[in-house]
Protein backbone atom coordinates (compact mmCIF):
# COMPACT_ATOMS: atom_id res chain seq x y z
CA UNK A 1 -23.51 28.44 20.72
CA UNK A 2 -23.40 31.54 22.87
CA UNK A 3 -22.91 35.18 22.05
CA UNK A 4 -20.54 37.25 24.18
CA UNK A 5 -20.30 40.99 24.75
CA UNK A 6 -17.55 42.62 26.81
CA UNK A 7 -17.81 45.93 28.59
CA UNK A 8 -16.07 48.01 31.22
CA UNK A 9 -12.90 49.02 29.44
CA UNK A 10 -11.75 52.61 29.83
CA UNK A 11 -8.73 54.80 30.43
CA UNK A 12 -7.26 54.55 33.91
CA UNK A 13 -4.14 55.45 35.81
CA UNK A 14 -1.45 53.00 36.79
CA UNK A 15 -2.33 51.47 40.12
CA UNK A 16 -6.07 51.78 39.56
CA UNK A 17 -8.57 48.96 39.56
CA UNK A 18 -11.08 48.09 36.88
CA UNK A 19 -13.67 45.38 36.40
CA UNK A 20 -14.49 44.02 32.99
CA UNK A 21 -17.74 42.22 32.33
CA UNK A 22 -18.71 39.67 29.73
CA UNK A 23 -22.37 38.90 29.27
CA UNK A 24 -23.50 35.81 27.42
CA UNK A 25 -26.68 34.91 25.66
CA UNK A 26 -28.13 31.52 24.86
CA UNK A 27 -29.25 28.66 27.04
CA UNK A 28 -25.93 26.77 27.08
CA UNK A 29 -23.74 29.44 28.69
CA UNK A 30 -23.04 27.30 31.76
CA UNK A 31 -21.54 24.55 29.55
CA UNK A 32 -18.70 26.77 28.37
CA UNK A 33 -15.24 27.42 29.67
CA UNK A 34 -14.51 31.13 29.48
CA UNK A 35 -11.20 32.83 28.87
CA UNK A 36 -10.10 36.43 29.01
CA UNK A 37 -7.57 37.32 26.34
CA UNK A 38 -5.85 40.55 25.46
CA UNK A 39 -4.10 41.87 22.41
CA UNK A 40 -1.88 44.84 21.65
CA UNK A 41 -1.48 46.05 18.05
CA UNK A 42 1.42 44.24 16.43
CA UNK A 43 1.59 41.56 19.11
CA UNK A 44 0.07 38.15 19.46
CA UNK A 45 -3.08 37.65 21.47
CA UNK A 46 -2.45 36.21 24.92
CA UNK A 47 -4.53 34.46 27.52
CA UNK A 48 -4.88 36.47 30.71
CA UNK A 49 -7.27 34.44 32.84
CA UNK A 50 -9.71 31.60 32.44
CA UNK A 51 -12.48 29.87 34.35
CA UNK A 52 -14.08 26.54 33.68
CA UNK A 53 -17.75 25.84 33.12
CA UNK A 54 -18.71 25.53 36.78
CA UNK A 55 -16.24 28.04 38.18
CA UNK A 56 -14.23 25.46 40.13
CA UNK A 57 -10.98 25.88 38.21
CA UNK A 58 -9.17 29.01 37.16
CA UNK A 59 -6.00 29.95 35.36
CA UNK A 60 -4.01 33.18 35.43
CA UNK A 61 -1.15 34.40 33.35
CA UNK A 62 1.79 34.44 35.78
CA UNK A 63 2.36 38.18 35.45
CA UNK A 64 -1.21 38.96 36.51
CA UNK A 65 -1.51 36.37 39.26
CA UNK A 66 -2.46 38.10 42.48
CA UNK A 67 -3.67 41.19 40.65
CA UNK A 68 -6.40 39.84 38.37
CA UNK A 69 -9.32 37.67 39.42
CA UNK A 70 -11.85 35.93 37.22
CA UNK A 71 -15.30 34.90 38.36
CA UNK A 72 -18.61 33.92 36.84
CA UNK A 73 -22.32 33.93 37.60
CA UNK A 74 -24.04 31.36 35.44
CA UNK A 75 -27.52 32.37 36.51
CA UNK A 76 -26.87 35.85 35.16
CA UNK A 77 -24.71 34.52 32.30
CA UNK A 78 -21.90 36.83 33.35
CA UNK A 79 -18.14 36.51 33.62
CA UNK A 80 -16.00 39.14 35.27
CA UNK A 81 -12.35 40.08 35.25
CA UNK A 82 -11.36 42.15 38.25
CA UNK A 83 -8.09 43.92 37.53
CA UNK A 84 -6.17 45.53 40.37
CA UNK A 85 -2.89 47.42 40.51
CA UNK A 86 -3.02 48.05 36.79
CA UNK A 87 0.25 48.59 34.99
CA UNK A 88 1.11 50.28 31.71
CA UNK A 89 1.74 46.90 30.14
CA UNK A 90 -1.86 45.90 30.86
CA UNK A 91 -2.99 48.28 28.13
CA UNK A 92 -4.73 46.20 25.48
CA UNK A 93 -8.02 45.25 23.96
CA UNK A 94 -9.54 42.58 26.17
CA UNK A 95 -11.72 39.81 24.81
CA UNK A 96 -13.79 37.13 26.43
CA UNK A 97 -14.05 33.85 24.61
CA UNK A 98 -15.81 30.54 25.12
CA UNK A 99 -15.29 26.91 24.26
CA UNK A 100 -16.66 23.62 25.50
CA UNK A 101 -13.13 22.22 25.77
CA UNK A 102 -10.65 23.66 28.28
CA UNK A 103 -7.61 22.85 26.18
CA UNK A 104 -8.99 24.50 23.08
CA UNK A 105 -9.99 27.55 25.06
CA UNK A 106 -6.56 27.98 26.65
CA UNK A 107 -4.96 27.56 23.24
CA UNK A 108 -7.05 30.38 21.85
CA UNK A 109 -9.11 28.09 19.65
CA UNK A 110 -12.40 29.26 21.02
CA UNK A 111 -15.71 28.65 19.36
CA UNK A 112 -17.03 32.06 20.36
CA UNK A 113 -15.35 35.44 20.77
CA UNK A 114 -16.61 38.79 21.89
CA UNK A 115 -15.68 41.95 20.03
CA UNK A 116 -13.45 43.30 22.77
CA UNK A 117 -13.23 46.22 25.16
CA UNK A 118 -10.24 48.51 25.36
CA UNK A 119 -8.27 49.21 28.51
CA UNK A 120 -5.75 52.03 28.48
CA UNK A 121 -3.40 52.46 31.43
CA UNK A 122 -1.31 55.60 31.75
CA UNK A 123 1.21 56.80 34.30
């Protein structure tokens, strides 16, 4: 099992770019599919982007496709979420999460979750 810690969240203006980072620990990091989720108070958590264990396959929520990009560096045990052209509706706490199974990860049934990093977008 890995441990995950997110960082990079801050307050930005609409249209700005921001990169979130998720650092993992443990010697099995490269076995895990990684997802980026976000949650707004009072609303259900949603998957934003995901990347499989070797980085060959990715998924993006349709509304962020073309704006957000997920990547990973298994040697450094890092996963990134590059967010461009940020919108007010992107405001949320962002979490990275990991699971050995792609389907479970996409469904939000991850074995491991980080504690989150907050992104606030204002006009």
